[in-house]
Amino acid sequence: MTVTSPARQAPGAAGPAGAAGGARPVRKRKASQFDGSRGFVSDQDWRNPRVSVPMKLLHWTLLALLLVVGIGPMLLLAKYAITPTQDIIRTPLAVFPHGVRWENVTEAWNDVQISRYFLNTIWLAAGSWFVQLLVATTGGFVLSVLRPAWAKIVHGLVIATLFVPSVVLLVPLYLTILNPPGVGTSLINSFFAVWLPSGASAFNVVIVTRFFDSLPREVFEAAKVDGASSFRLFWSVVLPMSKPILGVVSVFAAIASWKDFLWPMLVLKDQAKQPLSVRLPAIAQQTDLGVFLASLAISTLIPVVFFLIFQRLFLSSAGLGGAVKG
């Protein structure tokens, strides 16, 4: 009986011998310049000077236009705030032809009583921010974390209110503030007339609920196993993990309250309690132009500073790290 010896295989060949002798080396495919996401201009075109140079010029031109449109009006308003009135009228784009008049700011703050209206605006914005944040977080917590049996029905009703125009609700809301049920006294000329209706923001409840839906449920279950109550779960677990959405709601609430005009004008009849958004149009005709523009510049200061403080929470999703280990 003749025994045939197995054929000698080259190292790395496929088959049992190859499996025993070692895995076959895999050739890596050369990365293509067209792999991944592509933009309007490919990488190959970017290396072409006839394409890259015009595109870079176009990018810088668009950036300059965005800066002019976005920051230009604010810089121009800041210049007008310290410019004499005659210079604003005669040469509005000149750079201080007759010097700087800092008295515009002091007169706007003291003589026009912008300081009082400024403080009223801060109080209204702070109260509206607190009420909106309270309603949005507690409502989102109930609908997303606790999830009672009726949560889907309430969530649908909340979304349905987004399709109701706000102008339609002015009359019934005003009648409610004029004679609130269970209170026995009118809320007209009270800050509560602005604070309480601001909490009925379905948009805030919806976005907070959607954010809470994205949080890891394992953390909630672990907290419940450890014996955490609903309030402890809300205060010690959910809120610390929700810094991004809290920053977003805070910015929306503060800016919306700061620029609101119609509702404060309707419910705050007393001029001493009116905010800047209501008083500035009223004093425009009887105030010097330079002083009035200084008042406008002061009124825009807080929203800009507020956004600069909360821009990291507004633009990023930081704050979730460390919530779940592993």
C-alpha atoms as a PDB file:
ATOM      1  CA  MET A   1       0.000   0.000   0.000  1.00  0.00           C
ATOM      2  CA  THR A   2       1.510   3.265  -1.091  1.00  0.00           C
ATOM      3  CA  VAL A   3       1.123   6.244   1.193  1.00  0.00           C
ATOM      4  CA  THR A   4       0.988   9.580  -0.531  1.00  0.00           C
ATOM      5  CA  SER A   5       2.579  12.385   1.448  1.00  0.00           C
ATOM      6  CA  PRO A   6       0.549  15.541   1.764  1.00  0.00           C
ATOM      7  CA  ALA A   7       1.439  18.287  -0.595  1.00  0.00           C
ATOM      8  CA  ARG A   8       3.748  20.925   0.797  1.00  0.00           C
ATOM      9  CA  GLN A   9       2.016  24.166   1.056  1.00  0.00           C
ATOM     10  CA  ALA A  10       3.565  27.543   1.007  1.00  0.00           C
ATOM     11  CA  PRO A  11       3.582  29.455   4.235  1.00  0.00           C
ATOM     12  CA  GLY A  12       0.415  31.439   4.676  1.00  0.00           C
ATOM     13  CA  ALA A  13      -1.539  29.342   2.137  1.00  0.00           C
ATOM     14  CA  ALA A  14      -5.203  28.710   2.737  1.00  0.00           C
ATOM     15  CA  GLY A  15      -6.336  25.405   4.162  1.00  0.00           C
ATOM     16  CA  PRO A  16      -5.500  23.316   7.218  1.00  0.00           C
ATOM     17  CA  ALA A  17      -1.797  23.791   6.780  1.00  0.00           C
ATOM     18  CA  GLY A  18      -2.279  27.508   6.515  1.00  0.00           C
ATOM     19  CA  ALA A  19      -4.420  27.470   9.622  1.00  0.00           C
ATOM     20  CA  ALA A  20      -1.761  25.545  11.518  1.00  0.00           C
ATOM     21  CA  GLY A  21       1.139  27.570  10.153  1.00  0.00           C
ATOM     22  CA  GLY A  22      -0.445  30.975  10.864  1.00  0.00           C
ATOM     23  CA  ALA A  23      -3.160  33.261   9.615  1.00  0.00           C
ATOM     24  CA  ARG A  24      -2.857  34.697   6.178  1.00  0.00           C
ATOM     25  CA  PRO A  25      -1.856  38.360   6.312  1.00  0.00           C
ATOM     26  CA  VAL A  26      -4.660  40.647   5.268  1.00  0.00           C
ATOM     27  CA  ARG A  27      -3.751  43.406   2.886  1.00  0.00           C
ATOM     28  CA  LYS A  28      -5.064  46.738   4.014  1.00  0.00           C
ATOM     29  CA  ARG A  29      -6.972  48.626   1.412  1.00  0.00           C
ATOM     30  CA  LYS A  30      -5.548  52.018   0.721  1.00  0.00           C
ATOM     31  CA  ALA A  31      -7.752  54.690   2.180  1.00  0.00           C
ATOM     32  CA  SER A  32      -9.561  56.553  -0.507  1.00  0.00           C
ATOM     33  CA  GLN A  33      -9.919  60.284  -0.489  1.00  0.00           C
ATOM     34  CA  PHE A  34     -13.617  59.799  -1.128  1.00  0.00           C
ATOM     35  CA  ASP A  35     -14.195  57.637   1.991  1.00  0.00           C
ATOM     36  CA  GLY A  36     -16.402  59.024   4.699  1.00  0.00           C
ATOM     37  CA  SER A  37     -18.535  62.083   4.459  1.00  0.00           C
ATOM     38  CA  ARG A  38     -17.978  64.413   1.529  1.00  0.00           C
ATOM     39  CA  GLY A  39     -18.593  68.074   1.258  1.00  0.00           C
ATOM     40  CA  PHE A  40     -19.523  70.249  -1.654  1.00  0.00           C
ATOM     41  CA  VAL A  41     -15.879  70.215  -2.782  1.00  0.00           C
ATOM     42  CA  SER A  42     -13.884  66.973  -2.643  1.00  0.00           C
ATOM     43  CA  ASP A  43     -10.377  66.609  -1.200  1.00  0.00           C
ATOM     44  CA  GLN A  44      -8.957  66.269  -4.680  1.00  0.00           C
ATOM     45  CA  ASP A  45     -10.507  69.565  -5.727  1.00  0.00           C
ATOM     46  CA  TRP A  46      -9.197  71.254  -2.586  1.00  0.00           C
ATOM     47  CA  ARG A  47      -5.665  70.392  -3.710  1.00  0.00           C
ATOM     48  CA  ASN A  48      -6.304  72.176  -6.974  1.00  0.00           C
ATOM     49  CA  PRO A  49      -5.320  75.868  -6.615  1.00  0.00           C
ATOM     50  CA  ARG A  50      -7.861  76.920  -9.226  1.00  0.00           C
ATOM     51  CA  VAL A  51     -10.603  75.562  -6.938  1.00  0.00           C
ATOM     52  CA  SER A  52      -9.186  76.052  -3.441  1.00  0.00           C
ATOM     53  CA  VAL A  53      -8.276  79.736  -3.798  1.00  0.00           C
ATOM     54  CA  PRO A  54     -11.747  80.906  -4.953  1.00  0.00           C
ATOM     55  CA  MET A  55     -13.416  78.708  -2.322  1.00  0.00           C
ATOM     56  CA  LYS A  56     -11.257  80.169   0.464  1.00  0.00           C
ATOM     57  CA  LEU A  57     -12.028  83.665  -0.731  1.00  0.00           C
ATOM     58  CA  LEU A  58     -15.712  82.802  -0.739  1.00  0.00           C
ATOM     59  CA  HIS A  59     -15.489  81.422   2.816  1.00  0.00           C
ATOM     60  CA  TRP A  60     -13.745  84.531   4.130  1.00  0.00           C
ATOM     61  CA  THR A  61     -16.248  86.768   2.355  1.00  0.00           C
ATOM     62  CA  LEU A  62     -19.204  84.922   3.884  1.00  0.00           C
ATOM     63  CA  LEU A  63     -17.549  85.072   7.305  1.00  0.00           C
ATOM     64  CA  ALA A  64     -17.056  88.827   6.973  1.00  0.00           C
ATOM     65  CA  LEU A  65     -20.695  89.277   5.938  1.00  0.00           C
ATOM     66  CA  LEU A  66     -21.891  87.221   8.911  1.00  0.00           C
ATOM     67  CA  LEU A  67     -19.802  89.334  11.277  1.00  0.00           C
ATOM     68  CA  VAL A  68     -21.140  92.544   9.764  1.00  0.00           C
ATOM     69  CA  VAL A  69     -24.760  91.374   9.913  1.00  0.00           C
ATOM     70  CA  GLY A  70     -24.499  89.748  13.354  1.00  0.00           C
ATOM     71  CA  ILE A  71     -22.126  91.955  15.336  1.00  0.00           C
ATOM     72  CA  GLY A  72     -22.300  95.156  13.295  1.00  0.00           C
ATOM     73  CA  PRO A  73     -25.658  96.417  14.654  1.00  0.00           C
ATOM     74  CA  MET A  74     -24.576  95.774  18.240  1.00  0.00           C
ATOM     75  CA  LEU A  75     -21.304  97.629  17.774  1.00  0.00           C
ATOM     76  CA  LEU A  76     -23.132 100.470  16.048  1.00  0.00           C
ATOM     77  CA  LEU A  77     -25.613 100.700  18.926  1.00  0.00           C
ATOM     78  CA  ALA A  78     -22.743 100.756  21.435  1.00  0.00           C
ATOM     79  CA  LYS A  79     -21.157 103.614  19.461  1.00  0.00           C
ATOM     80  CA  TYR A  80     -24.414 105.568  19.314  1.00  0.00           C
ATOM     81  CA  ALA A  81     -24.822 105.180  23.084  1.00  0.00           C
ATOM     82  CA  ILE A  82     -21.804 107.447  23.694  1.00  0.00           C
ATOM     83  CA  THR A  83     -22.145 109.713  20.626  1.00  0.00           C
ATOM     84  CA  PRO A  84     -23.584 113.258  20.708  1.00  0.00           C
ATOM     85  CA  THR A  85     -27.032 113.519  19.179  1.00  0.00           C
ATOM     86  CA  GLN A  86     -25.956 115.971  16.474  1.00  0.00           C
ATOM     87  CA  ASP A  87     -23.241 113.549  15.300  1.00  0.00           C
ATOM     88  CA  ILE A  88     -25.775 110.711  15.126  1.00  0.00           C
ATOM     89  CA  ILE A  89     -28.052 112.815  12.916  1.00  0.00           C
ATOM     90  CA  ARG A  90     -25.446 114.448  10.671  1.00  0.00           C
ATOM     91  CA  THR A  91     -22.716 111.775  10.348  1.00  0.00           C
ATOM     92  CA  PRO A  92     -24.127 108.500  11.706  1.00  0.00           C
ATOM     93  CA  LEU A  93     -21.229 106.352  10.446  1.00  0.00           C
ATOM     94  CA  ALA A  94     -18.405 108.681  11.479  1.00  0.00           C
ATOM     95  CA  VAL A  95     -16.146 107.631  14.354  1.00  0.00           C
ATOM     96  CA  PHE A  96     -16.742 110.295  17.055  1.00  0.00           C
ATOM     97  CA  PRO A  97     -16.141 113.458  14.966  1.00  0.00           C
ATOM     98  CA  HIS A  98     -16.869 115.731  17.944  1.00  0.00           C
ATOM     99  CA  GLY A  99     -15.745 113.477  20.782  1.00  0.00           C
ATOM    100  CA  VAL A 100     -17.475 111.057  23.118  1.00  0.00           C
ATOM    101  CA  ARG A 101     -20.455 111.966  25.286  1.00  0.00           C
ATOM    102  CA  TRP A 102     -20.567 109.630  28.288  1.00  0.00           C
ATOM    103  CA  GLU A 103     -23.397 111.697  29.738  1.00  0.00           C
ATOM    104  CA  ASN A 104     -25.821 109.766  27.497  1.00  0.00           C
ATOM    105  CA  VAL A 105     -25.412 106.693  29.664  1.00  0.00           C
ATOM    106  CA  THR A 106     -25.690 108.511  32.995  1.00  0.00           C
ATOM    107  CA  GLU A 107     -28.734 110.501  31.861  1.00  0.00           C
ATOM    108  CA  ALA A 108     -30.405 107.347  30.579  1.00  0.00           C
ATOM    109  CA  TRP A 109     -29.722 105.562  33.857  1.00  0.00           C
ATOM    110  CA  ASN A 110     -30.774 108.357  36.210  1.00  0.00           C
ATOM    111  CA  ASP A 111     -32.937 110.973  34.461  1.00  0.00           C
ATOM    112  CA  VAL A 112     -34.957 108.612  32.250  1.00  0.00           C
ATOM    113  CA  GLN A 113     -35.119 106.132  35.170  1.00  0.00           C
ATOM    114  CA  ILE A 114     -33.821 103.238  33.130  1.00  0.00           C
ATOM    115  CA  SER A 115     -32.431 101.864  36.390  1.00  0.00           C
ATOM    116  CA  ARG A 116     -35.970 101.312  37.733  1.00  0.00           C
ATOM    117  CA  TYR A 117     -37.244  99.693  34.534  1.00  0.00           C
ATOM    118  CA  PHE A 118     -34.034  97.693  34.288  1.00  0.00           C
ATOM    119  CA  LEU A 119     -34.636  96.288  37.779  1.00  0.00           C
ATOM    120  CA  ASN A 120     -38.262  95.514  36.899  1.00  0.00           C
ATOM    121  CA  THR A 121     -37.088  93.600  33.832  1.00  0.00           C
ATOM    122  CA  ILE A 122     -34.612  91.586  35.905  1.00  0.00           C
ATOM    123  CA  TRP A 123     -37.323  90.682  38.419  1.00  0.00           C
ATOM    124  CA  LEU A 124     -39.726  89.647  35.671  1.00  0.00           C
ATOM    125  CA  ALA A 125     -37.062  87.602  33.875  1.00  0.00           C
ATOM    126  CA  ALA A 126     -35.900  85.906  37.097  1.00  0.00           C
ATOM    127  CA  GLY A 127     -39.431  84.967  38.139  1.00  0.00           C
ATOM    128  CA  SER A 128     -40.369  83.742  34.664  1.00  0.00           C
ATOM    129  CA  TRP A 129     -37.156  81.726  34.494  1.00  0.00           C
ATOM    130  CA  PHE A 130     -37.874  80.042  37.828  1.00  0.00           C
ATOM    131  CA  VAL A 131     -41.500  79.225  36.993  1.00  0.00           C
ATOM    132  CA  GLN A 132     -40.659  77.892  33.528  1.00  0.00           C
ATOM    133  CA  LEU A 133     -37.801  75.792  34.839  1.00  0.00           C
ATOM    134  CA  LEU A 134     -39.953  74.416  37.659  1.00  0.00           C
ATOM    135  CA  VAL A 135     -42.846  73.456  35.392  1.00  0.00           C
ATOM    136  CA  ALA A 136     -40.640  72.077  32.601  1.00  0.00           C
ATOM    137  CA  THR A 137     -38.438  69.895  34.839  1.00  0.00           C
ATOM    138  CA  THR A 138     -41.220  68.533  37.036  1.00  0.00           C
ATOM    139  CA  GLY A 139     -43.490  67.940  34.054  1.00  0.00           C
ATOM    140  CA  GLY A 140     -40.719  66.244  32.102  1.00  0.00           C
ATOM    141  CA  PHE A 141     -39.812  64.149  35.145  1.00  0.00           C
ATOM    142  CA  VAL A 142     -43.369  62.866  35.532  1.00  0.00           C
ATOM    143  CA  LEU A 143     -43.870  62.158  31.828  1.00  0.00           C
ATOM    144  CA  SER A 144     -40.457  60.628  31.161  1.00  0.00           C
ATOM    145  CA  VAL A 145     -39.131  59.105  34.404  1.00  0.00           C
ATOM    146  CA  LEU A 146     -42.158  58.236  36.541  1.00  0.00           C
ATOM    147  CA  ARG A 147     -44.346  57.395  33.507  1.00  0.00           C
ATOM    148  CA  PRO A 148     -47.806  56.930  35.034  1.00  0.00           C
ATOM    149  CA  ALA A 149     -50.560  55.247  33.059  1.00  0.00           C
ATOM    150  CA  TRP A 150     -51.943  58.555  31.800  1.00  0.00           C
ATOM    151  CA  ALA A 151     -48.539  59.946  30.751  1.00  0.00           C
ATOM    152  CA  LYS A 152     -49.078  59.382  27.017  1.00  0.00           C
ATOM    153  CA  ILE A 153     -52.441  61.155  27.071  1.00  0.00           C
ATOM    154  CA  VAL A 154     -51.043  64.183  28.899  1.00  0.00           C
ATOM    155  CA  HIS A 155     -47.994  64.251  26.630  1.00  0.00           C
ATOM    156  CA  GLY A 156     -50.257  64.280  23.574  1.00  0.00           C
ATOM    157  CA  LEU A 157     -52.349  67.115  25.012  1.00  0.00           C
ATOM    158  CA  VAL A 158     -49.216  69.123  25.768  1.00  0.00           C
ATOM    159  CA  ILE A 159     -47.995  68.701  22.191  1.00  0.00           C
ATOM    160  CA  ALA A 160     -51.444  69.651  20.894  1.00  0.00           C
ATOM    161  CA  THR A 161     -51.219  73.036  22.635  1.00  0.00           C
ATOM    162  CA  LEU A 162     -48.211  73.879  20.469  1.00  0.00           C
ATOM    163  CA  PHE A 163     -50.550  74.237  17.498  1.00  0.00           C
ATOM    164  CA  VAL A 164     -52.747  76.836  19.226  1.00  0.00           C
ATOM    165  CA  PRO A 165     -51.730  80.419  18.309  1.00  0.00           C
ATOM    166  CA  SER A 166     -50.752  82.441  21.351  1.00  0.00           C
ATOM    167  CA  VAL A 167     -52.867  85.391  20.209  1.00  0.00           C
ATOM    168  CA  VAL A 168     -56.002  83.259  20.545  1.00  0.00           C
ATOM    169  CA  LEU A 169     -55.248  82.725  24.244  1.00  0.00           C
ATOM    170  CA  LEU A 170     -54.792  86.402  25.145  1.00  0.00           C
ATOM    171  CA  VAL A 171     -58.451  87.127  26.009  1.00  0.00           C
ATOM    172  CA  PRO A 172     -59.156  84.011  28.147  1.00  0.00           C
ATOM    173  CA  LEU A 173     -55.766  84.355  29.831  1.00  0.00           C
ATOM    174  CA  TYR A 174     -56.395  88.030  30.602  1.00  0.00           C
ATOM    175  CA  LEU A 175     -59.822  87.191  32.076  1.00  0.00           C
ATOM    176  CA  THR A 176     -58.216  84.505  34.210  1.00  0.00           C
ATOM    177  CA  ILE A 177     -55.623  86.953  35.555  1.00  0.00           C
ATOM    178  CA  LEU A 178     -58.326  89.569  36.094  1.00  0.00           C
ATOM    179  CA  ASN A 179     -60.375  87.176  38.233  1.00  0.00           C
ATOM    180  CA  PRO A 180     -58.229  84.150  39.119  1.00  0.00           C
ATOM    181  CA  PRO A 181     -60.217  81.213  40.506  1.00  0.00           C
ATOM    182  CA  GLY A 182     -59.626  80.505  44.174  1.00  0.00           C
ATOM    183  CA  VAL A 183     -57.624  83.676  44.806  1.00  0.00           C
ATOM    184  CA  GLY A 184     -60.372  86.238  45.193  1.00  0.00           C
ATOM    185  CA  THR A 185     -58.292  89.208  44.078  1.00  0.00           C
ATOM    186  CA  SER A 186     -57.075  90.429  40.725  1.00  0.00           C
ATOM    187  CA  LEU A 187     -53.445  89.886  39.732  1.00  0.00           C
ATOM    188  CA  ILE A 188     -53.363  92.949  37.474  1.00  0.00           C
ATOM    189  CA  ASN A 189     -50.363  95.191  38.236  1.00  0.00           C
ATOM    190  CA  SER A 190     -48.671  92.270  39.969  1.00  0.00           C
ATOM    191  CA  PHE A 191     -45.536  90.487  38.816  1.00  0.00           C
ATOM    192  CA  PHE A 192     -47.393  87.211  39.319  1.00  0.00           C
ATOM    193  CA  ALA A 193     -49.548  88.170  36.342  1.00  0.00           C
ATOM    194  CA  VAL A 194     -46.417  87.708  34.210  1.00  0.00           C
ATOM    195  CA  TRP A 195     -44.695  84.960  36.164  1.00  0.00           C
ATOM    196  CA  LEU A 196     -47.529  82.416  36.381  1.00  0.00           C
ATOM    197  CA  PRO A 197     -48.625  82.407  32.696  1.00  0.00           C
ATOM    198  CA  SER A 198     -45.003  82.077  31.589  1.00  0.00           C
ATOM    199  CA  GLY A 199     -44.869  78.614  33.168  1.00  0.00           C
ATOM    200  CA  ALA A 200     -47.427  77.312  30.665  1.00  0.00           C
ATOM    201  CA  SER A 201     -44.767  76.691  28.033  1.00  0.00           C
ATOM    202  CA  ALA A 202     -45.494  73.433  26.244  1.00  0.00           C
ATOM    203  CA  PHE A 203     -42.307  73.763  24.203  1.00  0.00           C
ATOM    204  CA  ASN A 204     -40.117  73.641  27.316  1.00  0.00           C
ATOM    205  CA  VAL A 205     -41.981  70.625  28.674  1.00  0.00           C
ATOM    206  CA  VAL A 206     -41.580  68.777  25.371  1.00  0.00           C
ATOM    207  CA  ILE A 207     -37.838  69.376  24.973  1.00  0.00           C
ATOM    208  CA  VAL A 208     -37.136  68.539  28.630  1.00  0.00           C
ATOM    209  CA  THR A 209     -39.182  65.347  28.327  1.00  0.00           C
ATOM    210  CA  ARG A 210     -37.261  64.334  25.213  1.00  0.00           C
ATOM    211  CA  PHE A 211     -33.980  64.975  26.997  1.00  0.00           C
ATOM    212  CA  PHE A 212     -35.033  62.924  30.020  1.00  0.00           C
ATOM    213  CA  ASP A 213     -35.963  60.089  27.641  1.00  0.00           C
ATOM    214  CA  SER A 214     -32.331  59.969  26.487  1.00  0.00           C
ATOM    215  CA  LEU A 215     -30.955  59.562  30.021  1.00  0.00           C
ATOM    216  CA  PRO A 216     -29.883  56.010  30.998  1.00  0.00           C
ATOM    217  CA  ARG A 217     -32.732  54.159  32.677  1.00  0.00           C
ATOM    218  CA  GLU A 218     -30.228  51.971  34.559  1.00  0.00           C
ATOM    219  CA  VAL A 219     -29.328  54.911  36.783  1.00  0.00           C
ATOM    220  CA  PHE A 220     -32.983  55.435  37.724  1.00  0.00           C
ATOM    221  CA  GLU A 221     -33.497  51.758  38.466  1.00  0.00           C
ATOM    222  CA  ALA A 222     -30.358  51.629  40.602  1.00  0.00           C
ATOM    223  CA  ALA A 223     -31.517  54.661  42.585  1.00  0.00           C
ATOM    224  CA  LYS A 224     -34.920  53.082  43.174  1.00  0.00           C
ATOM    225  CA  VAL A 225     -33.294  49.849  44.331  1.00  0.00           C
ATOM    226  CA  ASP A 226     -31.227  51.858  46.801  1.00  0.00           C
ATOM    227  CA  GLY A 227     -34.455  53.258  48.245  1.00  0.00           C
ATOM    228  CA  ALA A 228     -34.472  56.722  46.695  1.00  0.00           C
ATOM    229  CA  SER A 229     -37.838  58.465  46.777  1.00  0.00           C
ATOM    230  CA  SER A 230     -39.287  60.247  43.780  1.00  0.00           C
ATOM    231  CA  PHE A 231     -38.133  63.635  45.080  1.00  0.00           C
ATOM    232  CA  ARG A 232     -34.636  62.297  45.818  1.00  0.00           C
ATOM    233  CA  LEU A 233     -34.495  60.734  42.367  1.00  0.00           C
ATOM    234  CA  PHE A 234     -35.507  64.042  40.807  1.00  0.00           C
ATOM    235  CA  TRP A 235     -33.241  66.279  42.889  1.00  0.00           C
ATOM    236  CA  SER A 236     -30.110  64.137  43.287  1.00  0.00           C
ATOM    237  CA  VAL A 237     -30.058  62.043  40.110  1.00  0.00           C
ATOM    238  CA  VAL A 238     -32.030  63.604  37.255  1.00  0.00           C
ATOM    239  CA  LEU A 239     -31.210  67.294  37.711  1.00  0.00           C
ATOM    240  CA  PRO A 240     -27.403  66.840  38.026  1.00  0.00           C
ATOM    241  CA  MET A 241     -27.466  64.877  34.758  1.00  0.00           C
ATOM    242  CA  SER A 242     -29.560  67.531  32.996  1.00  0.00           C
ATOM    243  CA  LYS A 243     -27.258  70.552  32.961  1.00  0.00           C
ATOM    244  CA  PRO A 244     -27.318  70.916  29.138  1.00  0.00           C
ATOM    245  CA  ILE A 245     -31.099  71.105  28.864  1.00  0.00           C
ATOM    246  CA  LEU A 246     -31.352  73.315  31.953  1.00  0.00           C
ATOM    247  CA  GLY A 247     -28.984  75.763  30.282  1.00  0.00           C
ATOM    248  CA  VAL A 248     -31.027  75.705  27.065  1.00  0.00           C
ATOM    249  CA  VAL A 249     -34.329  76.306  28.877  1.00  0.00           C
ATOM    250  CA  SER A 250     -32.716  79.052  30.979  1.00  0.00           C
ATOM    251  CA  VAL A 251     -31.510  80.917  27.911  1.00  0.00           C
ATOM    252  CA  PHE A 252     -34.868  80.562  26.148  1.00  0.00           C
ATOM    253  CA  ALA A 253     -36.822  81.648  29.238  1.00  0.00           C
ATOM    254  CA  ALA A 254     -34.646  84.662  30.060  1.00  0.00           C
ATOM    255  CA  ILE A 255     -34.505  86.005  26.503  1.00  0.00           C
ATOM    256  CA  ALA A 256     -38.232  85.438  25.897  1.00  0.00           C
ATOM    257  CA  SER A 257     -39.096  87.286  29.100  1.00  0.00           C
ATOM    258  CA  TRP A 258     -36.625  90.080  28.389  1.00  0.00           C
ATOM    259  CA  LYS A 259     -38.117  90.909  24.990  1.00  0.00           C
ATOM    260  CA  ASP A 260     -41.788  90.233  25.781  1.00  0.00           C
ATOM    261  CA  PHE A 261     -43.869  93.322  25.091  1.00  0.00           C
ATOM    262  CA  LEU A 262     -47.571  92.625  24.590  1.00  0.00           C
ATOM    263  CA  TRP A 263     -48.434  90.680  27.743  1.00  0.00           C
ATOM    264  CA  PRO A 264     -46.569  92.929  30.254  1.00  0.00           C
ATOM    265  CA  MET A 265     -48.188  95.946  28.607  1.00  0.00           C
ATOM    266  CA  LEU A 266     -51.649  94.430  29.133  1.00  0.00           C
ATOM    267  CA  VAL A 267     -51.322  93.308  32.755  1.00  0.00           C
ATOM    268  CA  LEU A 268     -48.898  95.904  34.181  1.00  0.00           C
ATOM    269  CA  LYS A 269     -50.773  99.202  34.022  1.00  0.00           C
ATOM    270  CA  ASP A 270     -48.582 100.924  36.591  1.00  0.00           C
ATOM    271  CA  GLN A 271     -45.610 102.545  34.848  1.00  0.00           C
ATOM    272  CA  ALA A 272     -43.442 102.025  37.926  1.00  0.00           C
ATOM    273  CA  LYS A 273     -43.725  98.247  37.436  1.00  0.00           C
ATOM    274  CA  GLN A 274     -43.311  98.059  33.671  1.00  0.00           C
ATOM    275  CA  PRO A 275     -40.170  96.511  32.116  1.00  0.00           C
ATOM    276  CA  LEU A 276     -37.832  98.006  29.562  1.00  0.00           C
ATOM    277  CA  SER A 277     -39.609  96.395  26.630  1.00  0.00           C
ATOM    278  CA  VAL A 278     -42.764  98.378  27.479  1.00  0.00           C
ATOM    279  CA  ARG A 279     -41.269 101.663  28.670  1.00  0.00           C
ATOM    280  CA  LEU A 280     -38.670 102.215  25.934  1.00  0.00           C
ATOM    281  CA  PRO A 281     -41.224 102.670  23.105  1.00  0.00           C
ATOM    282  CA  ALA A 282     -43.260 104.941  25.382  1.00  0.00           C
ATOM    283  CA  ILE A 283     -40.374 107.335  26.101  1.00  0.00           C
ATOM    284  CA  ALA A 284     -38.925 107.361  22.579  1.00  0.00           C
ATOM    285  CA  GLN A 285     -40.765 110.507  21.450  1.00  0.00           C
ATOM    286  CA  GLN A 286     -39.890 112.575  24.515  1.00  0.00           C
ATOM    287  CA  THR A 287     -36.258 111.587  25.010  1.00  0.00           C
ATOM    288  CA  ASP A 288     -33.094 112.872  23.401  1.00  0.00           C
ATOM    289  CA  LEU A 289     -31.946 110.531  20.622  1.00  0.00           C
ATOM    290  CA  GLY A 290     -28.501 109.888  22.110  1.00  0.00           C
ATOM    291  CA  VAL A 291     -29.975 109.202  25.541  1.00  0.00           C
ATOM    292  CA  PHE A 292     -32.621 106.915  24.029  1.00  0.00           C
ATOM    293  CA  LEU A 293     -30.004 104.896  22.125  1.00  0.00           C
ATOM    294  CA  ALA A 294     -27.983 104.623  25.332  1.00  0.00           C
ATOM    295  CA  SER A 295     -31.119 103.198  26.972  1.00  0.00           C
ATOM    296  CA  LEU A 296     -31.412 100.642  24.168  1.00  0.00           C
ATOM    297  CA  ALA A 297     -27.767  99.675  24.617  1.00  0.00           C
ATOM    298  CA  ILE A 298     -28.314  99.133  28.343  1.00  0.00           C
ATOM    299  CA  SER A 299     -31.375  96.984  27.654  1.00  0.00           C
ATOM    300  CA  THR A 300     -29.366  94.656  25.376  1.00  0.00           C
ATOM    301  CA  LEU A 301     -26.541  94.181  27.871  1.00  0.00           C
ATOM    302  CA  ILE A 302     -28.048  91.470  30.088  1.00  0.00           C
ATOM    303  CA  PRO A 303     -29.190  89.080  27.285  1.00  0.00           C
ATOM    304  CA  VAL A 304     -25.745  89.202  25.686  1.00  0.00           C
ATOM    305  CA  VAL A 305     -23.964  88.587  29.002  1.00  0.00           C
ATOM    306  CA  PHE A 306     -26.451  85.852  29.905  1.00  0.00           C
ATOM    307  CA  PHE A 307     -25.812  84.005  26.654  1.00  0.00           C
ATOM    308  CA  LEU A 308     -22.037  84.321  27.017  1.00  0.00           C
ATOM    309  CA  ILE A 309     -22.244  82.756  30.471  1.00  0.00           C
ATOM    310  CA  PHE A 310     -24.443  79.838  29.398  1.00  0.00           C
ATOM    311  CA  GLN A 311     -23.097  79.306  25.881  1.00  0.00           C
ATOM    312  CA  ARG A 312     -21.215  76.129  26.840  1.00  0.00           C
ATOM    313  CA  LEU A 313     -24.367  74.543  28.228  1.00  0.00           C
ATOM    314  CA  PHE A 314     -26.365  75.876  25.305  1.00  0.00           C
ATOM    315  CA  LEU A 315     -24.055  74.682  22.533  1.00  0.00           C
ATOM    316  CA  SER A 316     -22.636  71.477  23.996  1.00  0.00           C
ATOM    317  CA  SER A 317     -23.984  68.334  25.581  1.00  0.00           C
ATOM    318  CA  ALA A 318     -21.513  68.177  28.434  1.00  0.00           C
ATOM    319  CA  GLY A 319     -22.628  67.068  31.855  1.00  0.00           C
ATOM    320  CA  LEU A 320     -23.605  63.486  31.089  1.00  0.00           C
ATOM    321  CA  GLY A 321     -20.138  62.072  31.596  1.00  0.00           C
ATOM    322  CA  GLY A 322     -19.799  59.873  34.642  1.00  0.00           C
ATOM    323  CA  ALA A 323     -23.460  59.095  34.896  1.00  0.00           C
ATOM    324  CA  VAL A 324     -22.859  55.472  33.944  1.00  0.00           C
ATOM    325  CA  LYS A 325     -19.652  53.616  34.568  1.00  0.00           C
ATOM    326  CA  GLY A 326     -18.306  50.909  32.348  1.00  0.00           C
END
